[in-house]
């Protein structure tokens, strides 16, 4: 394998141990797979969106602009514990 194919300059290529070289290859492989997954995601969604009659809101597609979740209060936790206890003890 030529060092240029994996993005290592020749002087760095020859300084690697088998273990570090394997780690570099594994990392580059994961990066390439993630890039391919991103391209497949884009292609799939492009086609899927071409088929819908009404486009969803952009916020729903982006997914990262969700409202922050409300913190659970102590009373919420107690109510959940009581409901769980009632459900568990009901079946016994």
N, C-alpha and C. Protein backbone atom coordinates (compact mmCIF):
# COMPACT_ATOMS: atom_id res chain seq x y z
N UNK A 1 0.86 -1.18 0.00
CA UNK A 1 0.00 0.00 0.00
C UNK A 1 0.90 1.23 0.00
N UNK A 2 0.63 2.12 -0.88
CA UNK A 2 1.39 3.35 -0.97
C UNK A 2 0.92 4.32 0.11
N UNK A 3 1.85 4.97 0.77
CA UNK A 3 1.50 5.86 1.88
C UNK A 3 0.60 7.01 1.43
N UNK A 4 0.71 7.41 0.18
CA UNK A 4 -0.13 8.50 -0.31
C UNK A 4 -1.61 8.15 -0.33
N UNK A 5 -1.93 6.87 -0.47
CA UNK A 5 -3.32 6.44 -0.49
C UNK A 5 -4.01 6.61 0.85
N UNK A 6 -3.24 6.57 1.92
CA UNK A 6 -3.84 6.73 3.24
C UNK A 6 -3.57 8.11 3.82
N UNK A 7 -2.90 8.96 3.07
CA UNK A 7 -2.69 10.33 3.50
C UNK A 7 -1.50 10.53 4.42
N UNK A 8 -0.59 9.59 4.45
CA UNK A 8 0.62 9.74 5.26
C UNK A 8 1.79 10.11 4.36
N UNK A 9 2.52 11.14 4.71
CA UNK A 9 3.75 11.41 3.96
C UNK A 9 4.72 10.23 4.11
N UNK A 10 5.52 9.95 3.10
CA UNK A 10 6.42 8.79 3.16
C UNK A 10 7.32 8.77 4.40
N UNK A 11 7.82 9.92 4.84
CA UNK A 11 8.71 9.91 6.00
C UNK A 11 7.96 9.48 7.27
N UNK A 12 6.69 9.83 7.40
CA UNK A 12 5.90 9.38 8.55
C UNK A 12 5.49 7.92 8.39
N UNK A 13 5.23 7.52 7.17
CA UNK A 13 4.85 6.13 6.92
C UNK A 13 5.92 5.17 7.43
N UNK A 14 7.16 5.46 7.13
CA UNK A 14 8.24 4.54 7.49
C UNK A 14 8.61 4.60 8.97
N UNK A 15 8.09 5.57 9.70
CA UNK A 15 8.36 5.68 11.14
C UNK A 15 7.33 4.94 11.99
N UNK A 16 6.29 4.44 11.39
CA UNK A 16 5.21 3.80 12.14
C UNK A 16 5.56 2.37 12.53
N UNK A 17 5.10 1.98 13.71
CA UNK A 17 5.18 0.57 14.09
C UNK A 17 3.96 -0.12 13.50
N UNK A 18 3.96 -1.43 13.43
CA UNK A 18 2.76 -2.12 12.93
C UNK A 18 1.50 -1.74 13.72
N UNK A 19 1.63 -1.57 15.04
CA UNK A 19 0.47 -1.24 15.86
C UNK A 19 -0.05 0.17 15.55
N UNK A 20 0.86 1.15 15.46
CA UNK A 20 0.38 2.51 15.17
C UNK A 20 -0.16 2.60 13.75
N UNK A 21 0.45 1.86 12.83
CA UNK A 21 -0.05 1.86 11.46
C UNK A 21 -1.45 1.27 11.40
N UNK A 22 -1.68 0.18 12.13
CA UNK A 22 -3.01 -0.43 12.18
C UNK A 22 -4.02 0.53 12.80
N UNK A 23 -3.61 1.27 13.83
CA UNK A 23 -4.51 2.24 14.45
C UNK A 23 -4.85 3.37 13.49
N UNK A 24 -3.87 3.83 12.73
CA UNK A 24 -4.12 4.88 11.73
C UNK A 24 -5.10 4.37 10.68
N UNK A 25 -4.88 3.15 10.19
CA UNK A 25 -5.79 2.59 9.19
C UNK A 25 -7.20 2.42 9.74
N UNK A 26 -7.32 1.97 10.98
CA UNK A 26 -8.64 1.79 11.58
C UNK A 26 -9.36 3.13 11.71
N UNK A 27 -8.64 4.15 12.14
CA UNK A 27 -9.25 5.47 12.26
C UNK A 27 -9.67 6.04 10.91
N UNK A 28 -8.83 5.88 9.93
CA UNK A 28 -9.18 6.39 8.59
C UNK A 28 -10.35 5.61 8.01
N UNK A 29 -10.40 4.31 8.28
CA UNK A 29 -11.52 3.50 7.80
C UNK A 29 -12.83 3.97 8.43
N UNK A 30 -12.81 4.22 9.75
CA UNK A 30 -14.03 4.71 10.42
C UNK A 30 -14.46 6.06 9.85
N UNK A 31 -13.49 6.94 9.58
CA UNK A 31 -13.82 8.24 9.01
C UNK A 31 -14.45 8.09 7.63
N UNK A 32 -13.87 7.24 6.79
CA UNK A 32 -14.43 7.03 5.45
C UNK A 32 -15.82 6.42 5.51
N UNK A 33 -16.03 5.48 6.44
CA UNK A 33 -17.36 4.88 6.59
C UNK A 33 -18.37 5.92 7.05
N UNK A 34 -17.97 6.80 7.96
CA UNK A 34 -18.88 7.85 8.43
C UNK A 34 -19.22 8.82 7.30
N UNK A 35 -18.23 9.14 6.48
CA UNK A 35 -18.49 10.02 5.33
C UNK A 35 -19.46 9.36 4.36
N UNK A 36 -19.26 8.07 4.09
CA UNK A 36 -20.16 7.35 3.19
C UNK A 36 -21.56 7.27 3.77
N UNK A 37 -21.67 7.03 5.08
CA UNK A 37 -22.98 7.02 5.72
C UNK A 37 -23.67 8.37 5.55
N UNK A 38 -22.92 9.45 5.67
CA UNK A 38 -23.49 10.78 5.49
C UNK A 38 -23.99 10.98 4.06
N UNK A 39 -23.22 10.51 3.10
CA UNK A 39 -23.66 10.63 1.70
C UNK A 39 -24.91 9.79 1.45
N UNK A 40 -24.95 8.58 1.99
CA UNK A 40 -26.13 7.73 1.82
C UNK A 40 -27.35 8.36 2.49
N UNK A 41 -27.17 8.94 3.67
CA UNK A 41 -28.26 9.61 4.38
C UNK A 41 -28.80 10.76 3.53
N UNK A 42 -27.90 11.54 2.96
CA UNK A 42 -28.31 12.67 2.13
C UNK A 42 -29.07 12.19 0.90
N UNK A 43 -28.57 11.17 0.23
CA UNK A 43 -29.24 10.66 -0.97
C UNK A 43 -30.62 10.11 -0.63
N UNK A 44 -30.71 9.35 0.46
CA UNK A 44 -31.99 8.75 0.85
C UNK A 44 -33.00 9.84 1.17
N UNK A 45 -32.60 10.82 1.95
CA UNK A 45 -33.53 11.88 2.34
C UNK A 45 -33.89 12.79 1.16
N UNK A 46 -32.96 12.99 0.25
CA UNK A 46 -33.28 13.78 -0.94
C UNK A 46 -34.40 13.12 -1.72
N UNK A 47 -34.28 11.82 -1.93
CA UNK A 47 -35.32 11.09 -2.66
C UNK A 47 -36.62 11.04 -1.86
N UNK A 48 -36.52 10.79 -0.57
CA UNK A 48 -37.73 10.71 0.26
C UNK A 48 -38.47 12.04 0.27
N UNK A 49 -37.74 13.13 0.37
CA UNK A 49 -38.38 14.45 0.39
C UNK A 49 -38.97 14.80 -0.97
N UNK A 50 -38.42 14.24 -2.04
CA UNK A 50 -38.97 14.50 -3.36
C UNK A 50 -40.34 13.84 -3.53
N UNK A 51 -40.63 12.84 -2.70
CA UNK A 51 -41.89 12.09 -2.82
C UNK A 51 -43.01 12.61 -1.94
N UNK A 52 -42.70 13.42 -0.93
CA UNK A 52 -43.75 13.87 -0.01
C UNK A 52 -44.51 15.04 -0.61
N UNK A 53 -45.79 15.14 -0.24
CA UNK A 53 -46.61 16.23 -0.75
C UNK A 53 -46.36 17.52 0.01
N UNK A 54 -46.10 17.38 1.31
CA UNK A 54 -45.85 18.56 2.14
C UNK A 54 -44.52 18.36 2.86
N UNK A 55 -43.63 19.32 2.69
CA UNK A 55 -42.32 19.20 3.33
C UNK A 55 -42.44 19.38 4.84
N UNK A 56 -41.72 18.58 5.60
CA UNK A 56 -41.70 18.80 7.05
C UNK A 56 -40.92 20.08 7.37
N UNK A 57 -41.13 20.60 8.55
CA UNK A 57 -40.40 21.79 8.96
C UNK A 57 -38.91 21.47 9.05
N UNK A 58 -38.12 22.44 8.71
CA UNK A 58 -36.67 22.26 8.73
C UNK A 58 -36.18 21.87 10.13
N UNK A 59 -36.79 22.43 11.16
CA UNK A 59 -36.37 22.13 12.53
C UNK A 59 -36.47 20.64 12.84
N UNK A 60 -37.50 19.99 12.28
CA UNK A 60 -37.65 18.56 12.55
C UNK A 60 -36.58 17.75 11.81
N UNK A 61 -36.14 18.23 10.66
CA UNK A 61 -35.10 17.52 9.92
C UNK A 61 -33.73 17.71 10.57
N UNK A 62 -33.48 18.89 11.11
CA UNK A 62 -32.19 19.14 11.73
C UNK A 62 -32.02 18.36 13.02
N UNK A 63 -33.09 18.24 13.78
CA UNK A 63 -33.08 17.40 14.95
C UNK A 63 -32.31 17.90 16.15
N UNK A 64 -31.41 18.82 15.96
CA UNK A 64 -30.60 19.26 17.11
C UNK A 64 -31.13 20.52 17.75
N UNK A 65 -32.21 21.04 17.26
CA UNK A 65 -32.76 22.28 17.82
C UNK A 65 -33.98 21.98 18.68
N UNK A 66 -33.88 20.96 19.47
CA UNK A 66 -34.99 20.59 20.35
C UNK A 66 -34.98 21.47 21.59
N UNK A 67 -36.16 21.58 22.16
CA UNK A 67 -36.26 22.32 23.41
C UNK A 67 -35.55 21.52 24.49
N UNK A 68 -34.89 22.22 25.40
CA UNK A 68 -34.26 21.48 26.50
C UNK A 68 -35.33 20.82 27.37
N UNK A 69 -35.03 19.61 27.81
CA UNK A 69 -36.00 18.88 28.63
C UNK A 69 -36.11 19.53 30.00
N UNK A 70 -37.31 19.49 30.53
CA UNK A 70 -37.55 20.03 31.86
C UNK A 70 -36.93 19.09 32.88
N UNK A 71 -36.25 19.65 33.86
CA UNK A 71 -35.67 18.81 34.91
C UNK A 71 -36.76 18.20 35.76
N UNK A 72 -36.56 16.98 36.14
CA UNK A 72 -37.53 16.28 36.98
C UNK A 72 -37.42 16.80 38.42
N UNK A 73 -38.54 17.15 38.99
CA UNK A 73 -38.54 17.63 40.37
C UNK A 73 -38.59 16.44 41.32
N UNK A 74 -38.36 16.73 42.59
CA UNK A 74 -38.45 15.68 43.61
C UNK A 74 -39.86 15.12 43.66
N UNK A 75 -40.87 15.97 43.53
CA UNK A 75 -42.26 15.50 43.54
C UNK A 75 -42.54 14.59 42.34
N UNK A 76 -41.98 14.93 41.18
CA UNK A 76 -42.13 14.08 40.00
C UNK A 76 -41.55 12.69 40.27
N UNK A 77 -40.36 12.66 40.86
CA UNK A 77 -39.70 11.38 41.14
C UNK A 77 -40.51 10.56 42.15
N UNK A 78 -41.04 11.21 43.16
CA UNK A 78 -41.85 10.50 44.16
C UNK A 78 -43.11 9.93 43.51
N UNK A 79 -43.76 10.71 42.65
CA UNK A 79 -44.97 10.24 41.97
C UNK A 79 -44.66 9.04 41.08
N UNK A 80 -43.54 9.08 40.39
CA UNK A 80 -43.15 7.96 39.53
C UNK A 80 -42.85 6.72 40.37
N UNK A 81 -42.15 6.91 41.48
CA UNK A 81 -41.83 5.78 42.36
C UNK A 81 -43.10 5.17 42.94
N UNK A 82 -44.06 6.00 43.32
CA UNK A 82 -45.32 5.48 43.86
C UNK A 82 -46.09 4.71 42.79
N UNK A 83 -46.13 5.25 41.58
CA UNK A 83 -46.83 4.57 40.49
C UNK A 83 -46.16 3.23 40.17
N UNK A 84 -44.85 3.22 40.16
CA UNK A 84 -44.11 1.98 39.90
C UNK A 84 -44.36 0.97 41.01
N UNK A 85 -44.31 1.44 42.26
CA UNK A 85 -44.56 0.56 43.41
C UNK A 85 -45.97 -0.03 43.35
N UNK A 86 -46.94 0.81 43.00
CA UNK A 86 -48.33 0.33 42.91
C UNK A 86 -48.46 -0.72 41.80
N UNK A 87 -47.79 -0.50 40.68
CA UNK A 87 -47.86 -1.46 39.57
C UNK A 87 -47.19 -2.78 39.94
N UNK A 88 -46.08 -2.72 40.62
CA UNK A 88 -45.35 -3.94 40.99
C UNK A 88 -46.11 -4.71 42.06
N UNK A 89 -46.59 -4.02 43.06
CA UNK A 89 -47.29 -4.69 44.16
C UNK A 89 -48.69 -5.15 43.78
N UNK A 90 -49.26 -4.55 42.76
CA UNK A 90 -50.59 -4.94 42.28
C UNK A 90 -50.55 -6.36 41.71
N UNK A 91 -49.47 -6.70 41.04
CA UNK A 91 -49.38 -8.01 40.39
C UNK A 91 -48.99 -9.12 41.36
N UNK A 92 -48.64 -8.81 42.59
CA UNK A 92 -48.22 -9.85 43.55
C UNK A 92 -49.36 -10.38 44.35
